[in-house]
Amino acid sequence: MANVVKEENQQNFENLRGNCQDSARELARFLAHINPYWNERQLFNLFNEYLGLRADEVLLIFNGRYRESIRLFEKIQDQALKTAQIMISGLIWQFRLI
C-alpha cells in the first residue's frame, strides 16, 4: 500500500482498496463457513474497517502527519482488539470451551 501511495496515482490506490475489500469479503465468507458462530457480515465490516484505518494511516505518514497517525494507531489497536474478542468468542462457542 505504501508503494501505491508513493506513486501518487489515485486510480491505483482505489484499485488496491477494491482488491482489499474483495479479500476481506472472501476471508469473512470463508471464516463464517468454517465456524457457524462467526457472522460473515460482521467479520467483513470489521476487516474492511481495519483495512480502511490502515490505509488512512499510510496516507497520514506519507503526508508527514505523524501525530495524527499515532492517534489513529490507537484506534487501529482498539479495532483489532474488538475483532480478536469477536473471533475468540466464536471459537469458545464452537468448541464449547466454557
PDB file of N, CA and C in Angstrom:
ATOM      1  N   MET A   1       0.822  -1.180   0.000  1.00  0.00           N
ATOM      2  CA  MET A   1       0.000   0.000   0.000  1.00  0.00           C
ATOM      3  C   MET A   1       0.872   1.252   0.000  1.00  0.00           C
ATOM      4  N   ALA A   2       1.950   1.224   0.757  1.00  0.00           N
ATOM      5  CA  ALA A   2       2.828   2.392   0.812  1.00  0.00           C
ATOM      6  C   ALA A   2       3.402   2.706  -0.563  1.00  0.00           C
ATOM      7  N   ASN A   3       3.748   1.684  -1.321  1.00  0.00           N
ATOM      8  CA  ASN A   3       4.295   1.913  -2.660  1.00  0.00           C
ATOM      9  C   ASN A   3       3.271   2.559  -3.578  1.00  0.00           C
ATOM     10  N   VAL A   4       2.021   2.151  -3.462  1.00  0.00           N
ATOM     11  CA  VAL A   4       0.967   2.749  -4.289  1.00  0.00           C
ATOM     12  C   VAL A   4       0.771   4.210  -3.900  1.00  0.00           C
ATOM     13  N   VAL A   5       0.833   4.513  -2.612  1.00  0.00           N
ATOM     14  CA  VAL A   5       0.700   5.904  -2.160  1.00  0.00           C
ATOM     15  C   VAL A   5       1.856   6.739  -2.694  1.00  0.00           C
ATOM     16  N   LYS A   6       3.061   6.182  -2.673  1.00  0.00           N
ATOM     17  CA  LYS A   6       4.231   6.909  -3.185  1.00  0.00           C
ATOM     18  C   LYS A   6       4.075   7.265  -4.656  1.00  0.00           C
ATOM     19  N   GLU A   7       3.409   6.393  -5.407  1.00  0.00           N
ATOM     20  CA  GLU A   7       3.198   6.653  -6.839  1.00  0.00           C
ATOM     21  C   GLU A   7       2.299   7.859  -7.072  1.00  0.00           C
ATOM     22  N   GLU A   8       1.513   8.212  -6.042  1.00  0.00           N
ATOM     23  CA  GLU A   8       0.549   9.313  -6.135  1.00  0.00           C
ATOM     24  C   GLU A   8      -0.405   9.114  -7.306  1.00  0.00           C
ATOM     25  N   ASN A   9      -0.823   7.878  -7.513  1.00  0.00           N
ATOM     26  CA  ASN A   9      -1.765   7.540  -8.574  1.00  0.00           C
ATOM     27  C   ASN A   9      -3.078   7.133  -7.919  1.00  0.00           C
ATOM     28  N   GLN A  10      -4.048   8.025  -7.968  1.00  0.00           N
ATOM     29  CA  GLN A  10      -5.332   7.809  -7.297  1.00  0.00           C
ATOM     30  C   GLN A  10      -6.027   6.555  -7.813  1.00  0.00           C
ATOM     31  N   GLN A  11      -5.945   6.299  -9.112  1.00  0.00           N
ATOM     32  CA  GLN A  11      -6.611   5.125  -9.682  1.00  0.00           C
ATOM     33  C   GLN A  11      -6.018   3.830  -9.125  1.00  0.00           C
ATOM     34  N   ASN A  12      -4.695   3.764  -9.035  1.00  0.00           N
ATOM     35  CA  ASN A  12      -4.056   2.573  -8.466  1.00  0.00           C
ATOM     36  C   ASN A  12      -4.436   2.392  -7.001  1.00  0.00           C
ATOM     37  N   PHE A  13      -4.537   3.505  -6.281  1.00  0.00           N
ATOM     38  CA  PHE A  13      -4.917   3.441  -4.870  1.00  0.00           C
ATOM     39  C   PHE A  13      -6.342   2.910  -4.719  1.00  0.00           C
ATOM     40  N   GLU A  14      -7.245   3.411  -5.545  1.00  0.00           N
ATOM     41  CA  GLU A  14      -8.636   2.939  -5.494  1.00  0.00           C
ATOM     42  C   GLU A  14      -8.729   1.468  -5.889  1.00  0.00           C
ATOM     43  N   ASN A  15      -7.942   1.058  -6.880  1.00  0.00           N
ATOM     44  CA  ASN A  15      -7.920  -0.355  -7.272  1.00  0.00           C
ATOM     45  C   ASN A  15      -7.431  -1.227  -6.117  1.00  0.00           C
ATOM     46  N   LEU A  16      -6.403  -0.769  -5.430  1.00  0.00           N
ATOM     47  CA  LEU A  16      -5.875  -1.522  -4.297  1.00  0.00           C
ATOM     48  C   LEU A  16      -6.911  -1.635  -3.190  1.00  0.00           C
ATOM     49  N   ARG A  17      -7.594  -0.538  -2.913  1.00  0.00           N
ATOM     50  CA  ARG A  17      -8.647  -0.576  -1.883  1.00  0.00           C
ATOM     51  C   ARG A  17      -9.747  -1.552  -2.274  1.00  0.00           C
ATOM     52  N   GLY A  18     -10.101  -1.566  -3.551  1.00  0.00           N
ATOM     53  CA  GLY A  18     -11.105  -2.517  -4.030  1.00  0.00           C
ATOM     54  C   GLY A  18     -10.642  -3.951  -3.866  1.00  0.00           C
ATOM     55  N   ASN A  19      -9.375  -4.201  -4.185  1.00  0.00           N
ATOM     56  CA  ASN A  19      -8.820  -5.546  -4.005  1.00  0.00           C
ATOM     57  C   ASN A  19      -8.812  -5.943  -2.532  1.00  0.00           C
ATOM     58  N   CYS A  20      -8.502  -4.991  -1.671  1.00  0.00           N
ATOM     59  CA  CYS A  20      -8.509  -5.267  -0.233  1.00  0.00           C
ATOM     60  C   CYS A  20      -9.924  -5.600   0.238  1.00  0.00           C
ATOM     61  N   GLN A  21     -10.912  -4.880  -0.267  1.00  0.00           N
ATOM     62  CA  GLN A  21     -12.305  -5.169   0.090  1.00  0.00           C
ATOM     63  C   GLN A  21     -12.702  -6.562  -0.375  1.00  0.00           C
ATOM     64  N   ASP A  22     -12.298  -6.914  -1.590  1.00  0.00           N
ATOM     65  CA  ASP A  22     -12.599  -8.253  -2.104  1.00  0.00           C
ATOM     66  C   ASP A  22     -11.967  -9.326  -1.223  1.00  0.00           C
ATOM     67  N   SER A  23     -10.734  -9.098  -0.804  1.00  0.00           N
ATOM     68  CA  SER A  23     -10.046 -10.055   0.067  1.00  0.00           C
ATOM     69  C   SER A  23     -10.742 -10.156   1.420  1.00  0.00           C
ATOM     70  N   ALA A  24     -11.169  -9.024   1.957  1.00  0.00           N
ATOM     71  CA  ALA A  24     -11.879  -9.022   3.237  1.00  0.00           C
ATOM     72  C   ALA A  24     -13.187  -9.797   3.118  1.00  0.00           C
ATOM     73  N   ARG A  25     -13.892  -9.607   2.014  1.00  0.00           N
ATOM     74  CA  ARG A  25     -15.155 -10.311   1.786  1.00  0.00           C
ATOM     75  C   ARG A  25     -14.922 -11.819   1.685  1.00  0.00           C
ATOM     76  N   GLU A  26     -13.896 -12.200   0.938  1.00  0.00           N
ATOM     77  CA  GLU A  26     -13.578 -13.617   0.761  1.00  0.00           C
ATOM     78  C   GLU A  26     -13.164 -14.260   2.091  1.00  0.00           C
ATOM     79  N   LEU A  27     -12.348 -13.571   2.863  1.00  0.00           N
ATOM     80  CA  LEU A  27     -11.916 -14.097   4.155  1.00  0.00           C
ATOM     81  C   LEU A  27     -13.103 -14.232   5.112  1.00  0.00           C
ATOM     82  N   ALA A  28     -13.962 -13.228   5.152  1.00  0.00           N
ATOM     83  CA  ALA A  28     -15.143 -13.279   6.021  1.00  0.00           C
ATOM     84  C   ALA A  28     -16.049 -14.440   5.622  1.00  0.00           C
ATOM     85  N   ARG A  29     -16.235 -14.634   4.338  1.00  0.00           N
ATOM     86  CA  ARG A  29     -17.070 -15.737   3.843  1.00  0.00           C
ATOM     87  C   ARG A  29     -16.480 -17.082   4.279  1.00  0.00           C
ATOM     88  N   PHE A  30     -15.178 -17.242   4.103  1.00  0.00           N
ATOM     89  CA  PHE A  30     -14.515 -18.491   4.478  1.00  0.00           C
ATOM     90  C   PHE A  30     -14.639 -18.754   5.977  1.00  0.00           C
ATOM     91  N   LEU A  31     -14.342 -17.751   6.783  1.00  0.00           N
ATOM     92  CA  LEU A  31     -14.382 -17.934   8.233  1.00  0.00           C
ATOM     93  C   LEU A  31     -15.794 -18.237   8.725  1.00  0.00           C
ATOM     94  N   ALA A  32     -16.791 -17.552   8.169  1.00  0.00           N
ATOM     95  CA  ALA A  32     -18.177 -17.818   8.560  1.00  0.00           C
ATOM     96  C   ALA A  32     -18.593 -19.229   8.148  1.00  0.00           C
ATOM     97  N   HIS A  33     -18.013 -19.727   7.086  1.00  0.00           N
ATOM     98  CA  HIS A  33     -18.317 -21.085   6.629  1.00  0.00           C
ATOM     99  C   HIS A  33     -17.744 -22.136   7.585  1.00  0.00           C
ATOM    100  N   ILE A  34     -16.564 -21.889   8.134  1.00  0.00           N
ATOM    101  CA  ILE A  34     -15.939 -22.903   8.988  1.00  0.00           C
ATOM    102  C   ILE A  34     -16.366 -22.792  10.450  1.00  0.00           C
ATOM    103  N   ASN A  35     -16.995 -21.678  10.818  1.00  0.00           N
ATOM    104  CA  ASN A  35     -17.451 -21.518  12.196  1.00  0.00           C
ATOM    105  C   ASN A  35     -18.825 -20.850  12.180  1.00  0.00           C
ATOM    106  N   PRO A  36     -19.872 -21.581  12.550  1.00  0.00           N
ATOM    107  CA  PRO A  36     -21.224 -21.018  12.497  1.00  0.00           C
ATOM    108  C   PRO A  36     -21.462 -19.885  13.495  1.00  0.00           C
ATOM    109  N   TYR A  37     -20.548 -19.676  14.413  1.00  0.00           N
ATOM    110  CA  TYR A  37     -20.697 -18.612  15.409  1.00  0.00           C
ATOM    111  C   TYR A  37     -20.045 -17.301  14.970  1.00  0.00           C
ATOM    112  N   TRP A  38     -19.465 -17.304  13.790  1.00  0.00           N
ATOM    113  CA  TRP A  38     -18.940 -16.071  13.215  1.00  0.00           C
ATOM    114  C   TRP A  38     -19.896 -15.597  12.136  1.00  0.00           C
ATOM    115  N   ASN A  39     -20.276 -14.358  12.211  1.00  0.00           N
ATOM    116  CA  ASN A  39     -21.199 -13.767  11.256  1.00  0.00           C
ATOM    117  C   ASN A  39     -20.410 -13.155  10.103  1.00  0.00           C
ATOM    118  N   GLU A  40     -20.721 -13.583   8.887  1.00  0.00           N
ATOM    119  CA  GLU A  40     -19.965 -13.119   7.717  1.00  0.00           C
ATOM    120  C   GLU A  40     -20.005 -11.604   7.571  1.00  0.00           C
ATOM    121  N   ARG A  41     -21.164 -11.017   7.699  1.00  0.00           N
ATOM    122  CA  ARG A  41     -21.321  -9.573   7.518  1.00  0.00           C
ATOM    123  C   ARG A  41     -20.516  -8.811   8.576  1.00  0.00           C
ATOM    124  N   GLN A  42     -20.597  -9.286   9.814  1.00  0.00           N
ATOM    125  CA  GLN A  42     -19.871  -8.638  10.904  1.00  0.00           C
ATOM    126  C   GLN A  42     -18.360  -8.724  10.676  1.00  0.00           C
ATOM    127  N   LEU A  43     -17.885  -9.902  10.284  1.00  0.00           N
ATOM    128  CA  LEU A  43     -16.452 -10.054  10.025  1.00  0.00           C
ATOM    129  C   LEU A  43     -16.007  -9.176   8.867  1.00  0.00           C
ATOM    130  N   PHE A  44     -16.798  -9.156   7.798  1.00  0.00           N
ATOM    131  CA  PHE A  44     -16.444  -8.306   6.660  1.00  0.00           C
ATOM    132  C   PHE A  44     -16.334  -6.849   7.101  1.00  0.00           C
ATOM    133  N   ASN A  45     -17.308  -6.391   7.865  1.00  0.00           N
ATOM    134  CA  ASN A  45     -17.275  -4.999   8.326  1.00  0.00           C
ATOM    135  C   ASN A  45     -16.039  -4.721   9.178  1.00  0.00           C
ATOM    136  N   LEU A  46     -15.694  -5.654  10.052  1.00  0.00           N
ATOM    137  CA  LEU A  46     -14.511  -5.480  10.895  1.00  0.00           C
ATOM    138  C   LEU A  46     -13.233  -5.451  10.066  1.00  0.00           C
ATOM    139  N   PHE A  47     -13.094  -6.402   9.139  1.00  0.00           N
ATOM    140  CA  PHE A  47     -11.895  -6.456   8.300  1.00  0.00           C
ATOM    141  C   PHE A  47     -11.801  -5.225   7.408  1.00  0.00           C
ATOM    142  N   ASN A  48     -12.933  -4.822   6.858  1.00  0.00           N
ATOM    143  CA  ASN A  48     -12.958  -3.664   5.971  1.00  0.00           C
ATOM    144  C   ASN A  48     -12.615  -2.386   6.739  1.00  0.00           C
ATOM    145  N   GLU A  49     -13.141  -2.273   7.953  1.00  0.00           N
ATOM    146  CA  GLU A  49     -12.818  -1.114   8.792  1.00  0.00           C
ATOM    147  C   GLU A  49     -11.318  -1.078   9.087  1.00  0.00           C
ATOM    148  N   TYR A  50     -10.765  -2.228   9.434  1.00  0.00           N
ATOM    149  CA  TYR A  50      -9.334  -2.320   9.723  1.00  0.00           C
ATOM    150  C   TYR A  50      -8.508  -1.874   8.519  1.00  0.00           C
ATOM    151  N   LEU A  51      -8.849  -2.382   7.353  1.00  0.00           N
ATOM    152  CA  LEU A  51      -8.098  -2.018   6.148  1.00  0.00           C
ATOM    153  C   LEU A  51      -8.218  -0.528   5.841  1.00  0.00           C
ATOM    154  N   GLY A  52      -9.403   0.026   6.060  1.00  0.00           N
ATOM    155  CA  GLY A  52      -9.588   1.459   5.846  1.00  0.00           C
ATOM    156  C   GLY A  52      -8.750   2.294   6.800  1.00  0.00           C
ATOM    157  N   LEU A  53      -8.707   1.871   8.057  1.00  0.00           N
ATOM    158  CA  LEU A  53      -7.881   2.585   9.039  1.00  0.00           C
ATOM    159  C   LEU A  53      -6.408   2.509   8.671  1.00  0.00           C
ATOM    160  N   ARG A  54      -5.966   1.336   8.228  1.00  0.00           N
ATOM    161  CA  ARG A  54      -4.553   1.194   7.848  1.00  0.00           C
ATOM    162  C   ARG A  54      -4.230   2.056   6.628  1.00  0.00           C
ATOM    163  N   ALA A  55      -5.159   2.120   5.678  1.00  0.00           N
ATOM    164  CA  ALA A  55      -4.946   2.973   4.506  1.00  0.00           C
ATOM    165  C   ALA A  55      -4.836   4.433   4.932  1.00  0.00           C
ATOM    166  N   ASP A  56      -5.712   4.851   5.836  1.00  0.00           N
ATOM    167  CA  ASP A  56      -5.645   6.225   6.347  1.00  0.00           C
ATOM    168  C   ASP A  56      -4.314   6.476   7.048  1.00  0.00           C
ATOM    169  N   GLU A  57      -3.843   5.480   7.793  1.00  0.00           N
ATOM    170  CA  GLU A  57      -2.571   5.611   8.498  1.00  0.00           C
ATOM    171  C   GLU A  57      -1.420   5.818   7.510  1.00  0.00           C
ATOM    172  N   VAL A  58      -1.408   5.042   6.452  1.00  0.00           N
ATOM    173  CA  VAL A  58      -0.352   5.179   5.439  1.00  0.00           C
ATOM    174  C   VAL A  58      -0.378   6.578   4.839  1.00  0.00           C
ATOM    175  N   LEU A  59      -1.570   7.073   4.532  1.00  0.00           N
ATOM    176  CA  LEU A  59      -1.686   8.422   3.957  1.00  0.00           C
ATOM    177  C   LEU A  59      -1.187   9.488   4.933  1.00  0.00           C
ATOM    178  N   LEU A  60      -1.534   9.351   6.204  1.00  0.00           N
ATOM    179  CA  LEU A  60      -1.069  10.325   7.198  1.00  0.00           C
ATOM    180  C   LEU A  60       0.451  10.331   7.295  1.00  0.00           C
ATOM    181  N   ILE A  61       1.043   9.156   7.357  1.00  0.00           N
ATOM    182  CA  ILE A  61       2.502   9.070   7.456  1.00  0.00           C
ATOM    183  C   ILE A  61       3.151   9.631   6.203  1.00  0.00           C
ATOM    184  N   PHE A  62       2.613   9.271   5.048  1.00  0.00           N
ATOM    185  CA  PHE A  62       3.167   9.753   3.785  1.00  0.00           C
ATOM    186  C   PHE A  62       3.133  11.275   3.713  1.00  0.00           C
ATOM    187  N   ASN A  63       2.091  11.869   4.287  1.00  0.00           N
ATOM    188  CA  ASN A  63       1.944  13.328   4.257  1.00  0.00           C
ATOM    189  C   ASN A  63       2.588  14.017   5.456  1.00  0.00           C
ATOM    190  N   GLY A  64       3.357  13.263   6.248  1.00  0.00           N
ATOM    191  CA  GLY A  64       4.095  13.859   7.357  1.00  0.00           C
ATOM    192  C   GLY A  64       3.248  14.231   8.558  1.00  0.00           C
ATOM    193  N   ARG A  65       2.064  13.682   8.664  1.00  0.00           N
ATOM    194  CA  ARG A  65       1.164  13.997   9.775  1.00  0.00           C
ATOM    195  C   ARG A  65       1.309  12.907  10.851  1.00  0.00           C
ATOM    196  N   TYR A  66       2.473  12.905  11.472  1.00  0.00           N
ATOM    197  CA  TYR A  66       2.862  11.815  12.366  1.00  0.00           C
ATOM    198  C   TYR A  66       2.045  11.765  13.654  1.00  0.00           C
ATOM    199  N   ARG A  67       1.768  12.919  14.239  1.00  0.00           N
ATOM    200  CA  ARG A  67       0.979  12.927  15.479  1.00  0.00           C
ATOM    201  C   ARG A  67      -0.408  12.327  15.235  1.00  0.00           C
ATOM    202  N   GLU A  68      -1.005  12.709  14.121  1.00  0.00           N
ATOM    203  CA  GLU A  68      -2.322  12.162  13.789  1.00  0.00           C
ATOM    204  C   GLU A  68      -2.239  10.664  13.535  1.00  0.00           C
ATOM    205  N   SER A  69      -1.144  10.226  12.923  1.00  0.00           N
ATOM    206  CA  SER A  69      -1.004   8.790  12.649  1.00  0.00           C
ATOM    207  C   SER A  69      -0.865   8.001  13.949  1.00  0.00           C
ATOM    208  N   ILE A  70      -0.256   8.601  14.956  1.00  0.00           N
ATOM    209  CA  ILE A  70      -0.144   7.930  16.258  1.00  0.00           C
ATOM    210  C   ILE A  70      -1.520   7.803  16.903  1.00  0.00           C
ATOM    211  N   ARG A  71      -2.311   8.875  16.845  1.00  0.00           N
ATOM    212  CA  ARG A  71      -3.670   8.804  17.393  1.00  0.00           C
ATOM    213  C   ARG A  71      -4.499   7.767  16.636  1.00  0.00           C
ATOM    214  N   LEU A  72      -4.319   7.720  15.332  1.00  0.00           N
ATOM    215  CA  LEU A  72      -5.051   6.745  14.531  1.00  0.00           C
ATOM    216  C   LEU A  72      -4.610   5.326  14.872  1.00  0.00           C
ATOM    217  N   PHE A  73      -3.331   5.143  15.159  1.00  0.00           N
ATOM    218  CA  PHE A  73      -2.848   3.814  15.531  1.00  0.00           C
ATOM    219  C   PHE A  73      -3.582   3.296  16.760  1.00  0.00           C
ATOM    220  N   GLU A  74      -3.900   4.176  17.692  1.00  0.00           N
ATOM    221  CA  GLU A  74      -4.650   3.758  18.881  1.00  0.00           C
ATOM    222  C   GLU A  74      -6.031   3.240  18.487  1.00  0.00           C
ATOM    223  N   LYS A  75      -6.671   3.872  17.503  1.00  0.00           N
ATOM    224  CA  LYS A  75      -7.958   3.381  17.002  1.00  0.00           C
ATOM    225  C   LYS A  75      -7.783   2.024  16.316  1.00  0.00           C
ATOM    226  N   ILE A  76      -6.691   1.886  15.570  1.00  0.00           N
ATOM    227  CA  ILE A  76      -6.411   0.617  14.892  1.00  0.00           C
ATOM    228  C   ILE A  76      -6.250  -0.490  15.928  1.00  0.00           C
ATOM    229  N   GLN A  77      -5.540  -0.192  16.986  1.00  0.00           N
ATOM    230  CA  GLN A  77      -5.331  -1.177  18.046  1.00  0.00           C
ATOM    231  C   GLN A  77      -6.662  -1.556  18.699  1.00  0.00           C
ATOM    232  N   ASP A  78      -7.500  -0.579  18.997  1.00  0.00           N
ATOM    233  CA  ASP A  78      -8.815  -0.857  19.588  1.00  0.00           C
ATOM    234  C   ASP A  78      -9.659  -1.721  18.657  1.00  0.00           C
ATOM    235  N   GLN A  79      -9.611  -1.403  17.370  1.00  0.00           N
ATOM    236  CA  GLN A  79     -10.394  -2.162  16.397  1.00  0.00           C
ATOM    237  C   GLN A  79      -9.884  -3.597  16.295  1.00  0.00           C
ATOM    238  N   ALA A  80      -8.582  -3.791  16.324  1.00  0.00           N
ATOM    239  CA  ALA A  80      -8.004  -5.139  16.264  1.00  0.00           C
ATOM    240  C   ALA A  80      -8.395  -5.946  17.502  1.00  0.00           C
ATOM    241  N   LEU A  81      -8.419  -5.308  18.660  1.00  0.00           N
ATOM    242  CA  LEU A  81      -8.829  -5.997  19.885  1.00  0.00           C
ATOM    243  C   LEU A  81     -10.303  -6.388  19.830  1.00  0.00           C
ATOM    244  N   LYS A  82     -11.131  -5.520  19.266  1.00  0.00           N
ATOM    245  CA  LYS A  82     -12.552  -5.832  19.107  1.00  0.00           C
ATOM    246  C   LYS A  82     -12.726  -7.042  18.188  1.00  0.00           C
ATOM    247  N   THR A  83     -11.978  -7.068  17.102  1.00  0.00           N
ATOM    248  CA  THR A  83     -12.033  -8.200  16.176  1.00  0.00           C
ATOM    249  C   THR A  83     -11.585  -9.478  16.871  1.00  0.00           C
ATOM    250  N   ALA A  84     -10.509  -9.392  17.619  1.00  0.00           N
ATOM    251  CA  ALA A  84      -9.998 -10.565  18.335  1.00  0.00           C
ATOM    252  C   ALA A  84     -11.024 -11.083  19.339  1.00  0.00           C
ATOM    253  N   GLN A  85     -11.690 -10.182  20.025  1.00  0.00           N
ATOM    254  CA  GLN A  85     -12.694 -10.582  21.006  1.00  0.00           C
ATOM    255  C   GLN A  85     -13.847 -11.328  20.333  1.00  0.00           C
ATOM    256  N   ILE A  86     -14.301 -10.833  19.211  1.00  0.00           N
ATOM    257  CA  ILE A  86     -15.389 -11.489  18.482  1.00  0.00           C
ATOM    258  C   ILE A  86     -14.948 -12.858  17.981  1.00  0.00           C
ATOM    259  N   MET A  87     -13.733 -12.938  17.485  1.00  0.00           N
ATOM    260  CA  MET A  87     -13.256 -14.210  16.957  1.00  0.00           C
ATOM    261  C   MET A  87     -13.043 -15.235  18.070  1.00  0.00           C
ATOM    262  N   ILE A  88     -12.493 -14.826  19.190  1.00  0.00           N
ATOM    263  CA  ILE A  88     -12.286 -15.780  20.283  1.00  0.00           C
ATOM    264  C   ILE A  88     -13.624 -16.231  20.849  1.00  0.00           C
ATOM    265  N   SER A  89     -14.608 -15.341  20.882  1.00  0.00           N
ATOM    266  CA  SER A  89     -15.947 -15.736  21.332  1.00  0.00           C
ATOM    267  C   SER A  89     -16.517 -16.827  20.428  1.00  0.00           C
ATOM    268  N   GLY A  90     -16.312 -16.680  19.129  1.00  0.00           N
ATOM    269  CA  GLY A  90     -16.773 -17.702  18.191  1.00  0.00           C
ATOM    270  C   GLY A  90     -16.093 -19.037  18.418  1.00  0.00           C
ATOM    271  N   LEU A  91     -14.802 -18.998  18.716  1.00  0.00           N
ATOM    272  CA  LEU A  91     -14.078 -20.247  18.997  1.00  0.00           C
ATOM    273  C   LEU A  91     -14.574 -20.891  20.289  1.00  0.00           C
ATOM    274  N   ILE A  92     -14.803 -20.075  21.293  1.00  0.00           N
ATOM    275  CA  ILE A  92     -15.300 -20.599  22.569  1.00  0.00           C
ATOM    276  C   ILE A  92     -16.647 -21.287  22.368  1.00  0.00           C
ATOM    277  N   TRP A  93     -17.548 -20.645  21.628  1.00  0.00           N
ATOM    278  CA  TRP A  93     -18.853 -21.243  21.377  1.00  0.00           C
ATOM    279  C   TRP A  93     -18.743 -22.493  20.513  1.00  0.00           C
ATOM    280  N   GLN A  94     -17.909 -22.435  19.496  1.00  0.00           N
ATOM    281  CA  GLN A  94     -17.796 -23.579  18.591  1.00  0.00           C
ATOM    282  C   GLN A  94     -17.273 -24.818  19.315  1.00  0.00           C
ATOM    283  N   PHE A  95     -16.290 -24.641  20.155  1.00  0.00           N
ATOM    284  CA  PHE A  95     -15.678 -25.785  20.831  1.00  0.00           C
ATOM    285  C   PHE A  95     -16.142 -25.936  22.278  1.00  0.00           C
ATOM    286  N   ARG A  96     -17.129 -25.114  22.657  1.00  0.00           N
ATOM    287  CA  ARG A  96     -17.712 -25.170  23.993  1.00  0.00           C
ATOM    288  C   ARG A  96     -16.632 -25.229  25.079  1.00  0.00           C
ATOM    289  N   LEU A  97     -15.794 -24.227  25.034  1.00  0.00           N
ATOM    290  CA  LEU A  97     -14.654 -24.178  25.947  1.00  0.00           C
ATOM    291  C   LEU A  97     -15.013 -23.640  27.325  1.00  0.00           C
ATOM    292  N   ILE A  98     -16.184 -23.056  27.447  1.00  0.00           N
ATOM    293  CA  ILE A  98     -16.611 -22.539  28.760  1.00  0.00           C
ATOM    294  C   ILE A  98     -17.908 -23.226  29.144  1.00  0.00           C
TER     295      ILE A  98
END
